């Protein structure tokens, strides 16, 4: 999968991967359909950070990622 090419499928893949790494209790609240293609770079940055950390995130990082996803979702 080429994540350098912005597409709705890539957004879905990245959001699902982020949810998997965060091990959220209520992961259903984060729906890939809530994000737009013009937010691709921001989502890709979050995905890259989570992948680099291999899910070993501090509570501050976890809070920051969830806040950023919430802001991106609200900005539509």
C-alpha atoms as a PDB file:
ATOM      1  CA  UNK A   1       0.000   0.000   0.000  1.00  0.00           C
ATOM      2  CA  UNK A   2       1.433   3.359  -1.037  1.00  0.00           C
ATOM      3  CA  UNK A   3       0.554   5.779   1.741  1.00  0.00           C
ATOM      4  CA  UNK A   4       2.249   8.637  -0.113  1.00  0.00           C
ATOM      5  CA  UNK A   5      -0.786   8.814  -2.424  1.00  0.00           C
ATOM      6  CA  UNK A   6      -3.718  10.564  -0.732  1.00  0.00           C
ATOM      7  CA  UNK A   7      -6.868   8.470  -1.001  1.00  0.00           C
ATOM      8  CA  UNK A   8      -9.919   7.692   1.095  1.00  0.00           C
ATOM      9  CA  UNK A   9      -8.768   4.058   1.306  1.00  0.00           C
ATOM     10  CA  UNK A  10      -5.423   5.152   2.746  1.00  0.00           C
ATOM     11  CA  UNK A  11      -7.176   7.346   5.309  1.00  0.00           C
ATOM     12  CA  UNK A  12      -9.291   4.364   6.364  1.00  0.00           C
ATOM     13  CA  UNK A  13      -6.186   2.169   6.632  1.00  0.00           C
ATOM     14  CA  UNK A  14      -4.268   4.740   8.707  1.00  0.00           C
ATOM     15  CA  UNK A  15      -7.179   5.526  11.061  1.00  0.00           C
ATOM     16  CA  UNK A  16      -7.778   1.809  11.664  1.00  0.00           C
ATOM     17  CA  UNK A  17      -4.049   1.265  12.311  1.00  0.00           C
ATOM     18  CA  UNK A  18      -3.951   4.198  14.744  1.00  0.00           C
ATOM     19  CA  UNK A  19      -6.984   2.805  16.583  1.00  0.00           C
ATOM     20  CA  UNK A  20      -5.305  -0.593  16.799  1.00  0.00           C
ATOM     21  CA  UNK A  21      -2.109   0.833  18.274  1.00  0.00           C
ATOM     22  CA  UNK A  22      -3.967   3.006  20.778  1.00  0.00           C
ATOM     23  CA  UNK A  23      -5.929   0.011  22.114  1.00  0.00           C
ATOM     24  CA  UNK A  24      -8.976   2.144  22.765  1.00  0.00           C
ATOM     25  CA  UNK A  25     -11.884   0.768  24.748  1.00  0.00           C
ATOM     26  CA  UNK A  26     -14.405   2.645  22.621  1.00  0.00           C
ATOM     27  CA  UNK A  27     -12.625   2.635  19.249  1.00  0.00           C
ATOM     28  CA  UNK A  28     -15.981   2.845  17.465  1.00  0.00           C
ATOM     29  CA  UNK A  29     -16.068   6.554  18.233  1.00  0.00           C
ATOM     30  CA  UNK A  30     -13.295   7.137  15.705  1.00  0.00           C
ATOM     31  CA  UNK A  31     -14.806   6.515  12.275  1.00  0.00           C
ATOM     32  CA  UNK A  32     -12.609   6.865   9.164  1.00  0.00           C
ATOM     33  CA  UNK A  33     -15.634   8.293   7.320  1.00  0.00           C
ATOM     34  CA  UNK A  34     -15.452  11.346   9.602  1.00  0.00           C
ATOM     35  CA  UNK A  35     -12.210  12.489   7.949  1.00  0.00           C
ATOM     36  CA  UNK A  36     -11.751  14.259   4.632  1.00  0.00           C
ATOM     37  CA  UNK A  37      -9.075  13.892   1.979  1.00  0.00           C
ATOM     38  CA  UNK A  38      -7.821  17.441   2.583  1.00  0.00           C
ATOM     39  CA  UNK A  39      -6.774  16.291   6.085  1.00  0.00           C
ATOM     40  CA  UNK A  40      -4.539  13.571   4.652  1.00  0.00           C
ATOM     41  CA  UNK A  41      -1.185  15.090   5.637  1.00  0.00           C
ATOM     42  CA  UNK A  42      -2.231  15.611   9.255  1.00  0.00           C
ATOM     43  CA  UNK A  43      -3.547  12.051   9.511  1.00  0.00           C
ATOM     44  CA  UNK A  44      -0.374  10.715   7.862  1.00  0.00           C
ATOM     45  CA  UNK A  45       1.772  12.602  10.392  1.00  0.00           C
ATOM     46  CA  UNK A  46      -0.187  11.058  13.281  1.00  0.00           C
ATOM     47  CA  UNK A  47       0.049   7.618  11.684  1.00  0.00           C
ATOM     48  CA  UNK A  48       3.814   7.949  11.181  1.00  0.00           C
ATOM     49  CA  UNK A  49       4.307   8.966  14.812  1.00  0.00           C
ATOM     50  CA  UNK A  50       2.245   6.051  16.130  1.00  0.00           C
ATOM     51  CA  UNK A  51       4.085   3.621  13.838  1.00  0.00           C
ATOM     52  CA  UNK A  52       7.477   4.942  14.975  1.00  0.00           C
ATOM     53  CA  UNK A  53       6.521   4.462  18.616  1.00  0.00           C
ATOM     54  CA  UNK A  54       5.063   0.998  17.890  1.00  0.00           C
ATOM     55  CA  UNK A  55       2.150   1.805  20.161  1.00  0.00           C
ATOM     56  CA  UNK A  56       4.399   2.597  23.150  1.00  0.00           C
ATOM     57  CA  UNK A  57       2.931   6.028  23.715  1.00  0.00           C
ATOM     58  CA  UNK A  58       2.981   8.087  26.872  1.00  0.00           C
ATOM     59  CA  UNK A  59      -0.319   9.275  28.291  1.00  0.00           C
ATOM     60  CA  UNK A  60       0.483  12.792  27.077  1.00  0.00           C
ATOM     61  CA  UNK A  61       1.112  11.514  23.545  1.00  0.00           C
ATOM     62  CA  UNK A  62      -2.074   9.454  23.637  1.00  0.00           C
ATOM     63  CA  UNK A  63      -4.090  12.464  24.807  1.00  0.00           C
ATOM     64  CA  UNK A  64      -2.494  14.614  22.108  1.00  0.00           C
ATOM     65  CA  UNK A  65      -3.285  12.132  19.347  1.00  0.00           C
ATOM     66  CA  UNK A  66      -6.890  11.756  20.475  1.00  0.00           C
ATOM     67  CA  UNK A  67      -7.283  15.537  20.740  1.00  0.00           C
ATOM     68  CA  UNK A  68      -5.844  16.019  17.251  1.00  0.00           C
ATOM     69  CA  UNK A  69      -8.133  13.362  15.781  1.00  0.00           C
ATOM     70  CA  UNK A  70     -11.068  15.051  17.511  1.00  0.00           C
ATOM     71  CA  UNK A  71     -10.077  18.443  16.113  1.00  0.00           C
ATOM     72  CA  UNK A  72      -9.690  17.032  12.608  1.00  0.00           C
ATOM     73  CA  UNK A  73     -13.080  15.354  12.864  1.00  0.00           C
ATOM     74  CA  UNK A  74     -14.764  18.545  14.086  1.00  0.00           C
ATOM     75  CA  UNK A  75     -13.204  20.719  11.391  1.00  0.00           C
ATOM     76  CA  UNK A  76     -15.245  19.165   8.601  1.00  0.00           C
END
